[in-house]
């Protein structure tokens, strides 16, 4: 039973590393660029984008925490 649990945990961790982490880095880079080249008519849309990005980041962090908890419980 341990092998499938470990494999699933590894799959979820790889998913986070391959999708969420690069997206978060791109978003951070975009925010830096926007601070220097912000076009006022797009500000409202960018704020929505920022809020959605933060929500996605928080969700990813929660999922990772849940994964870590599940993995720790499986080690017992």
Protein backbone atom coordinates (compact mmCIF):
# COMPACT_ATOMS: atom_id res chain seq x y z
CA UNK A 1 0.00 0.00 0.00
CA UNK A 2 2.90 2.33 0.70
CA UNK A 3 4.21 2.28 -2.87
CA UNK A 4 0.97 3.65 -4.46
CA UNK A 5 0.68 6.35 -1.79
CA UNK A 6 4.28 7.40 -2.37
CA UNK A 7 3.80 7.36 -6.14
CA UNK A 8 0.66 9.50 -5.89
CA UNK A 9 2.43 11.95 -3.57
CA UNK A 10 5.34 12.19 -5.99
CA UNK A 11 2.95 12.77 -8.90
CA UNK A 12 1.20 15.60 -7.06
CA UNK A 13 4.51 17.17 -6.07
CA UNK A 14 5.76 17.01 -9.67
CA UNK A 15 2.50 18.62 -10.80
CA UNK A 16 3.07 21.51 -8.41
CA UNK A 17 6.68 21.92 -9.48
CA UNK A 18 5.91 21.76 -13.21
CA UNK A 19 2.80 23.94 -13.29
CA UNK A 20 2.21 26.12 -10.27
CA UNK A 21 5.78 27.17 -9.49
CA UNK A 22 6.57 28.42 -13.04
CA UNK A 23 3.21 30.20 -13.15
CA UNK A 24 3.88 31.90 -9.82
CA UNK A 25 7.33 33.00 -11.02
CA UNK A 26 5.84 34.41 -14.24
CA UNK A 27 3.18 36.27 -12.29
CA UNK A 28 5.80 37.77 -9.99
CA UNK A 29 7.84 38.87 -13.01
CA UNK A 30 4.73 40.34 -14.60
CA UNK A 31 3.94 42.34 -11.47
CA UNK A 32 7.42 43.88 -11.52
CA UNK A 33 6.99 44.84 -15.18
CA UNK A 34 3.55 46.30 -14.54
CA UNK A 35 4.89 48.53 -11.78
CA UNK A 36 7.13 50.26 -14.32
CA UNK A 37 4.90 50.19 -17.43
CA UNK A 38 1.31 50.32 -16.15
CA UNK A 39 -1.29 51.51 -18.62
CA UNK A 40 -4.16 53.05 -16.62
CA UNK A 41 -7.07 51.73 -18.77
CA UNK A 42 -6.01 48.15 -18.03
CA UNK A 43 -5.58 48.67 -14.30
CA UNK A 44 -8.94 47.20 -13.28
CA UNK A 45 -8.32 44.04 -15.29
CA UNK A 46 -4.84 43.71 -13.89
CA UNK A 47 -6.15 44.01 -10.36
CA UNK A 48 -8.58 41.17 -11.08
CA UNK A 49 -5.69 39.15 -12.50
CA UNK A 50 -3.66 39.83 -9.38
CA UNK A 51 -6.49 38.77 -7.10
CA UNK A 52 -7.05 35.58 -9.08
CA UNK A 53 -3.32 34.87 -9.00
CA UNK A 54 -3.23 35.23 -5.23
CA UNK A 55 -6.23 32.93 -4.87
CA UNK A 56 -4.53 30.34 -7.10
CA UNK A 57 -1.32 30.63 -5.10
CA UNK A 58 -3.19 30.19 -1.82
CA UNK A 59 -5.02 27.16 -3.21
CA UNK A 60 -1.73 25.62 -4.36
CA UNK A 61 -0.20 26.20 -0.94
CA UNK A 62 -3.21 24.58 0.76
CA UNK A 63 -3.04 21.60 -1.61
CA UNK A 64 0.66 21.18 -0.90
CA UNK A 65 0.00 21.36 2.85
CA UNK A 66 -2.73 18.73 2.53
CA UNK A 67 -0.39 16.55 0.50
CA UNK A 68 2.34 16.88 3.11
CA UNK A 69 -0.12 16.00 5.88
CA UNK A 70 -1.43 12.99 3.97
CA UNK A 71 2.12 11.85 3.25
CA UNK A 72 3.10 12.23 6.92
CA UNK A 73 0.05 10.22 8.00
CA UNK A 74 0.92 7.49 5.50
CA UNK A 75 4.36 7.16 7.07
CA UNK A 76 2.88 6.07 10.40
